[in-house]
Amino acid sequence: MANDLNIPEIRSQLLPVRKVQDVALTWRDLHGADHPFWQQLYAHYERQYPGLDRQGQGCFAIGLLARELGRVVAEASLKDYPLPVLEPANLGIEISADASLSLCYQSNALEYVARGHDFHRQRTAWLVALFAPLVEAQQQSCRLGAAAQWRLITDALAYTWLQVGKQQKAEDLARRDFFEGLLSEASKLKNRQVRWTSLHWQDRVETFVSRGGCCRYYTADEGDYCRTCVHRDTEQQRTLMAQWYEAAALSD
């Protein structure tokens, strides 16, 4: 299928393309536990959620990175686009003053993951390899355990696959690709607690991610367990999500 597609156009849709000299920060830079990027994110979450402890700040930081990268991989996977080989040195990161992230692809990187029989295995192994140095960095910078971080990465990827699936009106395909594809391989991403949960609300069915990890939002001054936290049972999650949908509908 790749031969029938406009590769440069697809690449620019998935990620903005930048010249090497225009990329000030790369994924590889985040391997350093003392890189200012981490401190900028921690300070942002400290301001956003007063009282949130340093480990909680690290939880939000790794989740943000996983969502941003997950969007690119999910869109390529569900649209059957060629998936760019995003190595730490060619994956650029742009961060704004409010800690919003955007990823870019350095223009000298033109390789793609082959869609062969072992595509799922390669994709999973590649994602683990990208995140492993970041997990190690945060173990040092905020003393956040590796197992907790991997659960949060999987939660963020599950959320991203669900959102992309909804946007493309391909939720069933997204479910299969995530749970039977990405998580089918034995890896650090494997988490039997994360799942997609359905909720009948008004005249439709809504799907949300029941998480396998905890972001420690409860440590903030006005914090609590999140609506879909692993520490809540499924019925609690459904009740809280129904209340959230109701509030969101009233505010529209």
Protein backbone atom coordinates (compact mmCIF):
# COMPACT_ATOMS: atom_id res chain seq x y z
CA MET A 1 0.00 0.00 0.00
CA ALA A 2 2.86 2.38 0.74
CA ASN A 3 3.80 2.50 -2.92
CA ASP A 4 0.41 4.03 -3.77
CA LEU A 5 0.69 6.82 -1.20
CA ASN A 6 2.31 10.23 -1.26
CA ILE A 7 4.94 9.57 1.40
CA PRO A 8 6.16 13.18 1.96
CA GLU A 9 2.56 14.40 2.25
CA ILE A 10 1.66 11.70 4.75
CA ARG A 11 4.81 12.38 6.73
CA SER A 12 3.92 16.06 7.02
CA GLN A 13 0.37 15.19 8.13
CA LEU A 14 1.59 12.94 10.91
CA LEU A 15 4.37 15.24 12.07
CA PRO A 16 5.61 18.67 10.99
CA VAL A 17 8.95 18.39 9.21
CA ARG A 18 11.81 20.58 10.38
CA LYS A 19 15.35 21.05 9.18
CA VAL A 20 17.91 19.53 11.51
CA GLN A 21 19.40 22.87 12.43
CA ASP A 22 15.94 24.20 13.42
CA VAL A 23 15.31 21.50 16.03
CA ALA A 24 16.55 22.73 19.40
CA LEU A 25 15.33 19.79 21.50
CA THR A 26 15.18 16.10 20.61
CA TRP A 27 13.85 13.00 22.32
CA ARG A 28 17.45 11.98 22.98
CA ASP A 29 17.98 15.11 25.08
CA LEU A 30 15.36 13.80 27.51
CA HIS A 31 17.60 10.88 28.39
CA GLY A 32 19.35 13.25 30.77
CA ALA A 33 17.71 13.33 34.19
CA ASP A 34 18.99 16.86 34.79
CA HIS A 35 17.79 18.31 31.47
CA PRO A 36 15.85 21.61 31.98
CA PHE A 37 12.92 20.14 30.03
CA TRP A 38 11.97 17.96 32.99
CA GLN A 39 12.19 20.83 35.43
CA GLN A 40 10.03 23.00 33.16
CA LEU A 41 7.32 20.34 33.10
CA TYR A 42 7.51 19.71 36.85
CA ALA A 43 7.20 23.43 37.56
CA HIS A 44 4.21 23.66 35.22
CA TYR A 45 2.33 20.87 36.98
CA GLU A 46 3.26 22.28 40.38
CA ARG A 47 1.56 25.54 39.37
CA GLN A 48 -1.40 23.82 37.74
CA TYR A 49 -2.06 21.48 40.66
CA PRO A 50 -0.76 23.12 43.87
CA GLY A 51 0.51 20.56 46.34
CA LEU A 52 1.04 17.81 43.74
CA ASP A 53 4.14 15.97 44.86
CA ARG A 54 7.22 15.57 42.68
CA GLN A 55 6.37 11.99 41.78
CA GLY A 56 2.94 13.17 40.69
CA GLN A 57 4.56 15.82 38.52
CA GLY A 58 6.59 13.05 36.93
CA CYS A 59 3.41 11.03 36.34
CA PHE A 60 1.85 13.89 34.40
CA ALA A 61 5.07 14.49 32.48
CA ILE A 62 5.47 10.93 31.20
CA GLY A 63 1.76 10.76 30.39
CA LEU A 64 1.99 13.91 28.30
CA LEU A 65 4.90 12.54 26.28
CA ALA A 66 3.13 9.21 25.75
CA ARG A 67 -0.03 10.90 24.50
CA GLU A 68 1.86 13.07 22.02
CA LEU A 69 3.88 10.21 20.59
CA GLY A 70 0.91 7.85 20.78
CA ARG A 71 -1.18 10.13 18.57
CA VAL A 72 1.34 9.86 15.75
CA VAL A 73 1.66 6.09 16.02
CA ALA A 74 -2.09 5.53 16.38
CA GLU A 75 -2.93 7.70 13.36
CA ALA A 76 -0.36 5.95 11.18
CA SER A 77 -1.47 2.53 12.38
CA LEU A 78 -5.24 3.02 12.02
CA LYS A 79 -4.99 4.74 8.63
CA ASP A 80 -2.57 2.07 7.44
CA TYR A 81 -0.03 4.77 6.67
CA PRO A 82 3.70 4.03 6.62
CA LEU A 83 4.97 4.51 10.16
CA PRO A 84 8.06 6.74 10.35
CA VAL A 85 11.04 5.30 12.20
CA LEU A 86 11.28 7.83 15.00
CA GLU A 87 14.70 7.50 16.54
CA PRO A 88 15.58 9.61 19.60
CA ALA A 89 17.94 11.78 17.54
CA ASN A 90 15.46 12.57 14.74
CA LEU A 91 12.33 13.12 16.83
CA GLY A 92 12.17 16.80 17.70
CA ILE A 93 10.17 18.34 20.55
CA GLU A 94 8.78 21.84 20.74
CA ILE A 95 7.51 23.06 24.10
CA SER A 96 5.57 26.28 24.65
CA ALA A 97 5.50 28.53 27.70
CA ASP A 98 2.36 26.76 28.97
CA ALA A 99 4.08 23.36 28.61
CA SER A 100 2.10 22.34 25.53
CA LEU A 101 4.11 19.90 23.45
CA SER A 102 4.34 19.26 19.75
CA LEU A 103 6.57 16.77 18.02
CA CYS A 104 8.39 17.23 14.75
CA TYR A 105 10.35 14.99 12.44
CA GLN A 106 13.80 16.02 11.31
CA SER A 107 13.95 16.30 7.55
CA ASN A 108 16.97 14.01 7.14
CA ALA A 109 15.02 11.00 8.49
CA LEU A 110 13.13 9.13 5.78
CA GLU A 111 12.82 5.50 6.88
CA TYR A 112 9.59 3.67 7.68
CA VAL A 113 8.62 0.61 9.70
CA ALA A 114 7.92 -2.27 7.31
CA ARG A 115 4.36 -3.67 7.40
CA GLY A 116 5.32 -7.32 7.55
CA HIS A 117 4.11 -10.27 9.56
CA ASP A 118 6.05 -9.05 12.61
CA PHE A 119 4.82 -5.45 12.44
CA HIS A 120 3.11 -5.59 15.85
CA ARG A 121 6.21 -6.99 17.51
CA GLN A 122 8.46 -4.39 15.92
CA ARG A 123 6.11 -1.53 16.78
CA THR A 124 5.83 -2.57 20.43
CA ALA A 125 9.58 -3.12 20.80
CA TRP A 126 10.29 0.23 19.16
CA LEU A 127 7.96 2.12 21.53
CA VAL A 128 9.48 0.41 24.55
CA ALA A 129 12.96 1.33 23.32
CA LEU A 130 11.92 4.98 22.92
CA PHE A 131 10.44 5.26 26.41
CA ALA A 132 12.91 3.17 28.41
CA PRO A 133 15.59 5.92 28.72
CA LEU A 134 12.92 8.44 29.76
CA VAL A 135 11.65 6.10 32.45
CA GLU A 136 15.19 5.73 33.74
CA ALA A 137 15.71 9.51 33.67
CA GLN A 138 12.60 10.10 35.76
CA GLN A 139 13.61 7.44 38.25
CA GLN A 140 16.54 9.73 38.96
CA SER A 141 14.90 13.15 38.58
CA CYS A 142 11.75 12.57 40.64
CA ARG A 143 12.21 9.09 42.14
CA LEU A 144 9.19 7.74 40.27
CA GLY A 145 9.34 3.95 40.02
CA ALA A 146 9.71 2.27 36.64
CA ALA A 147 6.66 0.01 37.00
CA ALA A 148 4.43 2.98 37.82
CA GLN A 149 5.70 4.86 34.77
CA TRP A 150 5.10 1.96 32.39
CA ARG A 151 1.51 1.67 33.64
CA LEU A 152 1.01 5.37 32.97
CA ILE A 153 2.54 5.11 29.49
CA THR A 154 0.15 2.28 28.62
CA ASP A 155 -2.79 4.27 30.04
CA ALA A 156 -1.86 7.26 27.88
CA LEU A 157 -1.49 5.11 24.76
CA ALA A 158 -4.85 3.45 25.45
CA TYR A 159 -6.45 6.91 25.70
CA THR A 160 -4.81 8.05 22.48
CA TRP A 161 -5.82 4.96 20.50
CA LEU A 162 -9.40 5.39 21.73
CA GLN A 163 -9.55 9.08 20.78
CA VAL A 164 -8.05 8.50 17.33
CA GLY A 165 -10.45 5.60 16.82
CA LYS A 166 -13.40 7.81 17.71
CA GLN A 167 -12.21 10.59 15.42
CA GLN A 168 -11.88 8.17 12.53
CA LYS A 169 -15.17 6.42 13.39
CA ALA A 170 -13.16 3.23 13.68
CA GLU A 171 -13.40 2.41 17.38
CA ASP A 172 -13.57 -1.36 16.83
CA LEU A 173 -10.49 -1.27 14.63
CA ALA A 174 -8.67 0.84 17.23
CA ARG A 175 -9.62 -1.62 19.97
CA ARG A 176 -8.27 -4.57 18.01
CA ASP A 177 -5.09 -2.76 17.00
CA PHE A 178 -4.36 -1.69 20.57
CA PHE A 179 -5.28 -4.76 22.61
CA GLU A 180 -4.66 -7.50 20.03
CA GLY A 181 -1.80 -5.70 18.33
CA LEU A 182 0.23 -3.32 20.46
CA LEU A 183 -0.40 -5.15 23.74
CA SER A 184 -0.34 -8.64 22.28
CA GLU A 185 3.41 -8.86 22.74
CA ALA A 186 5.01 -9.55 26.10
CA SER A 187 6.66 -6.23 26.97
CA LYS A 188 6.80 -3.50 29.57
CA LEU A 189 3.64 -2.04 27.98
CA LYS A 190 1.63 -5.14 28.85
CA ASN A 191 -0.92 -4.34 31.56
CA ARG A 192 -3.96 -6.53 32.15
CA GLN A 193 -5.71 -3.87 34.23
CA VAL A 194 -6.06 -1.23 31.51
CA ARG A 195 -9.24 -1.65 29.47
CA TRP A 196 -11.88 0.25 27.56
CA THR A 197 -15.14 0.45 29.48
CA SER A 198 -18.55 1.17 27.98
CA LEU A 199 -21.19 3.35 29.57
CA HIS A 200 -24.80 3.79 28.48
CA TRP A 201 -25.53 7.49 28.81
CA GLN A 202 -28.71 9.08 27.54
CA ASP A 203 -29.33 7.56 24.11
CA ARG A 204 -25.80 6.48 23.26
CA VAL A 205 -22.89 4.36 24.39
CA GLU A 206 -19.73 6.13 25.52
CA THR A 207 -16.35 4.43 25.89
CA PHE A 208 -13.62 5.52 28.27
CA VAL A 209 -10.28 4.14 29.47
CA SER A 210 -10.30 2.33 32.79
CA ARG A 211 -6.74 2.93 33.78
CA GLY A 212 -4.14 0.48 35.01
CA GLY A 213 -2.10 3.13 36.80
CA CYS A 214 -2.38 6.10 39.15
CA CYS A 215 -1.17 9.63 38.40
CA ARG A 216 -1.01 10.65 42.09
CA TYR A 217 -3.39 13.57 41.57
CA TYR A 218 -4.69 12.74 45.05
CA THR A 219 -1.52 14.30 46.51
CA ALA A 220 -2.55 17.79 45.28
CA ASP A 221 -4.19 20.16 47.77
CA GLU A 222 -7.60 19.73 46.15
CA GLY A 223 -6.87 16.38 44.57
CA ASP A 224 -8.50 12.97 44.68
CA TYR A 225 -8.32 9.74 42.76
CA CYS A 226 -9.19 10.44 39.13
CA ARG A 227 -12.56 9.33 37.78
CA THR A 228 -11.06 6.35 35.98
CA CYS A 229 -8.20 5.59 38.39
CA VAL A 230 -7.11 2.01 38.95
CA HIS A 231 -8.00 2.53 42.63
CA ARG A 232 -11.70 2.84 41.75
CA ASP A 233 -13.87 -0.10 40.80
CA THR A 234 -15.67 -0.20 37.47
CA GLU A 235 -19.05 0.89 38.80
CA GLN A 236 -17.53 3.88 40.59
CA GLN A 237 -15.83 4.82 37.34
CA ARG A 238 -19.09 4.55 35.38
CA THR A 239 -20.94 6.68 37.93
CA LEU A 240 -18.28 9.39 37.94
CA MET A 241 -17.96 9.41 34.16
CA ALA A 242 -21.76 9.71 33.78
CA GLN A 243 -21.65 12.73 36.08
CA TRP A 244 -18.82 14.18 34.02
CA TYR A 245 -20.70 13.69 30.72
CA GLU A 246 -23.76 15.32 32.28
CA ALA A 247 -21.77 18.32 33.50
CA ALA A 248 -20.07 18.67 30.12
CA ALA A 249 -23.43 18.59 28.32
CA LEU A 250 -24.85 21.28 30.60
CA SER A 251 -21.87 23.54 30.01
CA ASP A 252 -22.19 23.39 26.21
